Amino acid sequence: MRSLEENVGAVMTRKVVTCAETDTIALIMGRMTRQVPHLPVVDQGQLVGVISIGDVVEIAAARDRARNEALREYIATA
């Protein structure tokens, strides 16, 4: 068991997985399924943001709601 007095450097992730602003949600979902709940967003070597698995789930849920609504409208007008 690790001590709470241990330095962060002893336990931090050194090989950080990142993404770019131009990456697709589908691409980063693949990266996140490998137990990476947060991805730093990097542009030209500079950190520009962080995206979380919660952000991705919210985007997917909104897409699914929109798709379901479109299907309901289609069925209602058919």
N, C-alpha and C. Protein backbone atom coordinates (compact mmCIF):
# COMPACT_ATOMS: atom_id res chain seq x y z
N MET A 1 0.85 -1.17 0.00
CA MET A 1 0.00 0.00 0.00
C MET A 1 0.90 1.24 0.00
N ARG A 2 0.51 2.23 -0.79
CA ARG A 2 1.30 3.45 -0.89
C ARG A 2 0.95 4.42 0.23
N SER A 3 1.92 5.21 0.61
CA SER A 3 1.74 6.20 1.66
C SER A 3 1.22 7.52 1.08
N LEU A 4 0.41 8.22 1.83
CA LEU A 4 -0.06 9.54 1.42
C LEU A 4 1.06 10.57 1.46
N GLU A 5 2.17 10.21 2.06
CA GLU A 5 3.32 11.10 2.15
C GLU A 5 4.26 10.94 0.95
N GLU A 6 3.94 10.00 0.08
CA GLU A 6 4.79 9.74 -1.08
C GLU A 6 4.73 10.93 -2.06
N ASN A 7 5.84 11.20 -2.71
CA ASN A 7 5.88 12.27 -3.70
C ASN A 7 5.05 11.89 -4.93
N VAL A 8 4.40 12.87 -5.53
CA VAL A 8 3.60 12.64 -6.73
C VAL A 8 4.45 12.01 -7.83
N GLY A 9 5.69 12.44 -7.95
CA GLY A 9 6.58 11.91 -8.97
C GLY A 9 6.76 10.40 -8.91
N ALA A 10 6.56 9.83 -7.74
CA ALA A 10 6.72 8.39 -7.58
C ALA A 10 5.54 7.60 -8.12
N VAL A 11 4.40 8.26 -8.30
CA VAL A 11 3.20 7.53 -8.71
C VAL A 11 2.54 8.06 -9.98
N MET A 12 3.05 9.16 -10.51
CA MET A 12 2.40 9.78 -11.68
C MET A 12 2.62 8.96 -12.95
N THR A 13 1.77 9.21 -13.91
CA THR A 13 1.90 8.60 -15.23
C THR A 13 2.97 9.35 -16.00
N ARG A 14 3.94 8.63 -16.52
CA ARG A 14 5.02 9.28 -17.25
C ARG A 14 4.79 9.25 -18.77
N LYS A 15 4.19 8.20 -19.27
CA LYS A 15 3.90 8.10 -20.70
C LYS A 15 2.45 8.55 -20.91
N VAL A 16 2.26 9.84 -20.96
CA VAL A 16 0.91 10.41 -21.03
C VAL A 16 0.35 10.27 -22.44
N VAL A 17 -0.86 9.73 -22.52
CA VAL A 17 -1.58 9.63 -23.78
C VAL A 17 -2.29 10.96 -24.00
N THR A 18 -2.14 11.54 -25.20
CA THR A 18 -2.75 12.83 -25.50
C THR A 18 -3.60 12.74 -26.76
N CYS A 19 -4.28 13.82 -27.06
CA CYS A 19 -5.03 13.92 -28.30
C CYS A 19 -4.88 15.34 -28.83
N ALA A 20 -5.35 15.55 -30.05
CA ALA A 20 -5.32 16.87 -30.67
C ALA A 20 -6.74 17.37 -30.85
N GLU A 21 -6.90 18.67 -30.99
CA GLU A 21 -8.22 19.24 -31.21
C GLU A 21 -8.87 18.71 -32.48
N THR A 22 -8.07 18.27 -33.41
CA THR A 22 -8.60 17.78 -34.68
C THR A 22 -8.95 16.29 -34.65
N ASP A 23 -8.63 15.59 -33.57
CA ASP A 23 -8.99 14.18 -33.44
C ASP A 23 -10.51 14.05 -33.33
N THR A 24 -11.04 12.94 -33.80
CA THR A 24 -12.48 12.71 -33.71
C THR A 24 -12.84 12.12 -32.36
N ILE A 25 -14.09 12.28 -32.00
CA ILE A 25 -14.59 11.68 -30.75
C ILE A 25 -14.42 10.17 -30.82
N ALA A 26 -14.71 9.57 -31.97
CA ALA A 26 -14.57 8.12 -32.13
C ALA A 26 -13.13 7.68 -31.84
N LEU A 27 -12.16 8.43 -32.31
CA LEU A 27 -10.76 8.09 -32.09
C LEU A 27 -10.40 8.14 -30.60
N ILE A 28 -10.80 9.21 -29.92
CA ILE A 28 -10.42 9.31 -28.51
C ILE A 28 -11.20 8.34 -27.64
N MET A 29 -12.40 7.96 -28.09
CA MET A 29 -13.13 6.92 -27.34
C MET A 29 -12.31 5.64 -27.30
N GLY A 30 -11.66 5.33 -28.41
CA GLY A 30 -10.80 4.15 -28.46
C GLY A 30 -9.65 4.24 -27.49
N ARG A 31 -9.08 5.41 -27.37
CA ARG A 31 -7.98 5.60 -26.42
C ARG A 31 -8.48 5.51 -24.99
N MET A 32 -9.63 6.07 -24.73
CA MET A 32 -10.16 6.11 -23.36
C MET A 32 -10.59 4.74 -22.86
N THR A 33 -10.98 3.85 -23.77
CA THR A 33 -11.41 2.53 -23.32
C THR A 33 -10.25 1.71 -22.77
N ARG A 34 -9.04 2.20 -22.93
CA ARG A 34 -7.86 1.54 -22.35
C ARG A 34 -7.56 2.09 -20.96
N GLN A 35 -8.58 2.41 -20.21
CA GLN A 35 -8.44 2.88 -18.83
C GLN A 35 -7.81 4.26 -18.72
N VAL A 36 -8.08 5.14 -19.68
CA VAL A 36 -7.58 6.51 -19.62
C VAL A 36 -8.80 7.43 -19.50
N PRO A 37 -9.16 7.86 -18.29
CA PRO A 37 -10.38 8.64 -18.11
C PRO A 37 -10.27 10.11 -18.51
N HIS A 38 -9.06 10.61 -18.70
CA HIS A 38 -8.85 12.00 -19.10
C HIS A 38 -7.73 12.05 -20.13
N LEU A 39 -7.94 12.86 -21.16
CA LEU A 39 -6.90 13.04 -22.17
C LEU A 39 -6.52 14.51 -22.26
N PRO A 40 -5.25 14.82 -22.09
CA PRO A 40 -4.80 16.18 -22.35
C PRO A 40 -4.92 16.45 -23.85
N VAL A 41 -5.41 17.63 -24.19
CA VAL A 41 -5.50 18.06 -25.59
C VAL A 41 -4.30 18.96 -25.85
N VAL A 42 -3.50 18.57 -26.83
CA VAL A 42 -2.22 19.25 -27.09
C VAL A 42 -2.22 19.81 -28.51
N ASP A 43 -1.72 21.05 -28.65
CA ASP A 43 -1.56 21.69 -29.95
C ASP A 43 -0.14 22.24 -30.03
N GLN A 44 0.64 21.74 -30.96
CA GLN A 44 2.03 22.14 -31.14
C GLN A 44 2.83 22.07 -29.83
N GLY A 45 2.63 20.97 -29.11
CA GLY A 45 3.37 20.73 -27.88
C GLY A 45 2.87 21.47 -26.66
N GLN A 46 1.81 22.25 -26.82
CA GLN A 46 1.26 23.03 -25.70
C GLN A 46 -0.10 22.46 -25.27
N LEU A 47 -0.30 22.36 -23.98
CA LEU A 47 -1.58 21.92 -23.44
C LEU A 47 -2.64 22.99 -23.71
N VAL A 48 -3.74 22.61 -24.38
CA VAL A 48 -4.80 23.56 -24.66
C VAL A 48 -6.11 23.19 -23.97
N GLY A 49 -6.15 22.00 -23.35
CA GLY A 49 -7.35 21.59 -22.64
C GLY A 49 -7.26 20.15 -22.20
N VAL A 50 -8.35 19.68 -21.61
CA VAL A 50 -8.46 18.30 -21.17
C VAL A 50 -9.87 17.84 -21.49
N ILE A 51 -10.01 16.63 -22.04
CA ILE A 51 -11.33 16.06 -22.28
C ILE A 51 -11.45 14.81 -21.41
N SER A 52 -12.62 14.65 -20.80
CA SER A 52 -12.83 13.52 -19.90
C SER A 52 -13.79 12.52 -20.52
N ILE A 53 -13.80 11.33 -19.97
CA ILE A 53 -14.74 10.31 -20.43
C ILE A 53 -16.17 10.80 -20.22
N GLY A 54 -16.39 11.60 -19.17
CA GLY A 54 -17.71 12.19 -18.94
C GLY A 54 -18.12 13.10 -20.08
N ASP A 55 -17.18 13.90 -20.61
CA ASP A 55 -17.47 14.75 -21.77
C ASP A 55 -17.88 13.90 -22.96
N VAL A 56 -17.15 12.82 -23.19
CA VAL A 56 -17.42 11.94 -24.33
C VAL A 56 -18.78 11.27 -24.18
N VAL A 57 -19.09 10.80 -22.99
CA VAL A 57 -20.39 10.16 -22.74
C VAL A 57 -21.52 11.16 -22.98
N GLU A 58 -21.34 12.40 -22.55
CA GLU A 58 -22.34 13.43 -22.75
C GLU A 58 -22.56 13.69 -24.25
N ILE A 59 -21.49 13.75 -25.02
CA ILE A 59 -21.59 13.95 -26.46
C ILE A 59 -22.33 12.78 -27.11
N ALA A 60 -21.98 11.56 -26.73
CA ALA A 60 -22.62 10.38 -27.29
C ALA A 60 -24.10 10.33 -26.92
N ALA A 61 -24.43 10.69 -25.70
CA ALA A 61 -25.83 10.69 -25.27
C ALA A 61 -26.64 11.73 -26.04
N ALA A 62 -26.07 12.90 -26.25
CA ALA A 62 -26.76 13.94 -27.02
C ALA A 62 -26.98 13.49 -28.45
N ARG A 63 -25.98 12.84 -29.04
CA ARG A 63 -26.12 12.32 -30.40
C ARG A 63 -27.24 11.28 -30.46
N ASP A 64 -27.28 10.39 -29.47
CA ASP A 64 -28.31 9.36 -29.44
C ASP A 64 -29.70 9.96 -29.26
N ARG A 65 -29.80 10.99 -28.41
CA ARG A 65 -31.11 11.65 -28.22
C ARG A 65 -31.58 12.28 -29.52
N ALA A 66 -30.67 12.95 -30.23
CA ALA A 66 -31.01 13.59 -31.50
C ALA A 66 -31.42 12.54 -32.53
N ARG A 67 -30.71 11.44 -32.59
CA ARG A 67 -31.04 10.36 -33.53
C ARG A 67 -32.41 9.78 -33.20
N ASN A 68 -32.68 9.55 -31.93
CA ASN A 68 -33.98 9.00 -31.53
C ASN A 68 -35.12 9.96 -31.86
N GLU A 69 -34.90 11.24 -31.63
CA GLU A 69 -35.93 12.24 -31.95
C GLU A 69 -36.19 12.28 -33.46
N ALA A 70 -35.13 12.22 -34.26
CA ALA A 70 -35.30 12.20 -35.71
C ALA A 70 -36.07 10.97 -36.16
N LEU A 71 -35.80 9.83 -35.57
CA LEU A 71 -36.54 8.62 -35.90
C LEU A 71 -38.01 8.72 -35.50
N ARG A 72 -38.27 9.30 -34.33
CA ARG A 72 -39.67 9.50 -33.89
C ARG A 72 -40.42 10.40 -34.87
N GLU A 73 -39.77 11.48 -35.28
CA GLU A 73 -40.40 12.40 -36.24
C GLU A 73 -40.65 11.71 -37.57
N TYR A 74 -39.69 10.92 -38.02
CA TYR A 74 -39.84 10.19 -39.27
C TYR A 74 -41.02 9.22 -39.20
N ILE A 75 -41.10 8.49 -38.10
CA ILE A 75 -42.18 7.52 -37.93
C ILE A 75 -43.54 8.24 -37.84
N ALA A 76 -43.57 9.36 -37.15
CA ALA A 76 -44.82 10.11 -36.97
C ALA A 76 -45.35 10.68 -38.28
N THR A 77 -44.45 10.98 -39.21
CA THR A 77 -44.87 11.57 -40.48
C THR A 77 -45.01 10.56 -41.60
N ALA A 78 -44.68 9.31 -41.33
CA ALA A 78 -44.74 8.27 -42.37
C ALA A 78 -46.15 7.77 -42.57
